[in-house]
Protein backbone atom coordinates (compact mmCIF):
# COMPACT_ATOMS: atom_id res chain seq x y z
CA MET A 1 -61.10 -1.52 -143.77
CA THR A 2 -57.64 -0.48 -142.62
CA PRO A 3 -54.73 -2.86 -143.22
CA LYS A 4 -54.64 -3.63 -139.49
CA GLU A 5 -58.37 -4.39 -139.39
CA LYS A 6 -58.06 -6.60 -142.49
CA ALA A 7 -55.11 -8.44 -140.95
CA GLU A 8 -57.05 -9.11 -137.74
CA ASP A 9 -60.09 -10.19 -139.77
CA LEU A 10 -58.10 -12.67 -141.85
CA VAL A 11 -56.33 -14.17 -138.83
CA ASP A 12 -59.63 -14.42 -136.91
CA LYS A 13 -61.24 -16.25 -139.84
CA GLN A 14 -58.39 -18.75 -139.85
CA ARG A 15 -58.74 -19.22 -136.08
CA THR A 16 -62.41 -20.14 -136.47
CA ILE A 17 -61.36 -22.94 -138.80
CA LEU A 18 -58.54 -24.18 -136.57
CA ASP A 19 -60.33 -23.78 -133.21
CA PRO A 20 -62.59 -26.85 -133.57
CA LEU A 21 -59.49 -28.96 -134.16
CA ASP A 22 -58.51 -28.26 -130.53
CA MET A 23 -54.90 -27.76 -131.50
CA GLY A 24 -54.00 -25.66 -128.49
CA ASP A 25 -52.07 -22.56 -129.52
CA TYR A 26 -53.11 -22.16 -133.12
CA THR A 27 -52.34 -18.43 -133.45
CA HIS A 28 -49.12 -19.10 -135.36
CA LEU A 29 -50.93 -21.42 -137.77
CA ALA A 30 -53.75 -18.90 -138.23
CA LYS A 31 -51.21 -16.20 -139.09
CA GLN A 32 -49.46 -18.47 -141.58
CA CYS A 33 -52.77 -19.29 -143.27
CA ALA A 34 -53.69 -15.60 -143.43
CA LEU A 35 -50.31 -14.79 -144.98
CA ILE A 36 -50.90 -17.45 -147.60
CA CYS A 37 -54.26 -15.85 -148.38
CA VAL A 38 -52.65 -12.45 -148.86
CA GLU A 39 -49.98 -13.91 -151.12
CA GLU A 40 -52.65 -15.67 -153.19
CA ILE A 41 -54.60 -12.42 -153.55
CA MET A 42 -51.50 -10.57 -154.69
CA ASN A 43 -50.43 -13.31 -157.11
CA SER A 44 -53.83 -14.22 -158.55
CA THR A 45 -54.42 -10.92 -160.28
CA GLY A 46 -51.86 -11.63 -162.97
CA GLY A 47 -49.94 -8.50 -162.01
CA PHE A 48 -52.89 -6.21 -162.60
CA LEU A 49 -53.03 -4.50 -159.22
CA TRP A 50 -52.93 -0.75 -158.86
CA ASP A 51 -49.98 0.54 -156.86
CA ILE A 52 -52.34 1.52 -154.04
CA GLU A 53 -53.71 -2.04 -153.93
CA VAL A 54 -50.22 -3.52 -153.80
CA LYS A 55 -49.32 -1.15 -150.98
CA TYR A 56 -52.52 -2.05 -149.10
CA TRP A 57 -51.89 -5.80 -149.28
CA GLN A 58 -48.25 -5.33 -148.31
CA GLN A 59 -49.42 -3.38 -145.27
CA VAL A 60 -51.93 -6.13 -144.44
CA LYS A 61 -49.10 -8.66 -144.62
CA GLN A 62 -46.96 -6.54 -142.26
CA GLU A 63 -49.87 -6.22 -139.81
CA ILE A 64 -50.42 -9.99 -139.82
CA GLU A 65 -46.76 -10.50 -139.00
CA LYS A 66 -47.08 -8.09 -136.04
CA LEU A 67 -50.01 -9.96 -134.49
């Protein structure tokens, strides 16, 4: 999955959670939740990510911010 596809996937998953709450425009909240997920992934490995993995997740984060 490309970083852009992963970003869209994560935000869409957050939207499915927020949508039933009928909160109106929940895109911003979905993006914030997705960014938290990415940060948790990057921090939960105890610093044992390969450089390519770090770069991938940083790109995913950037793509989320663009959405």
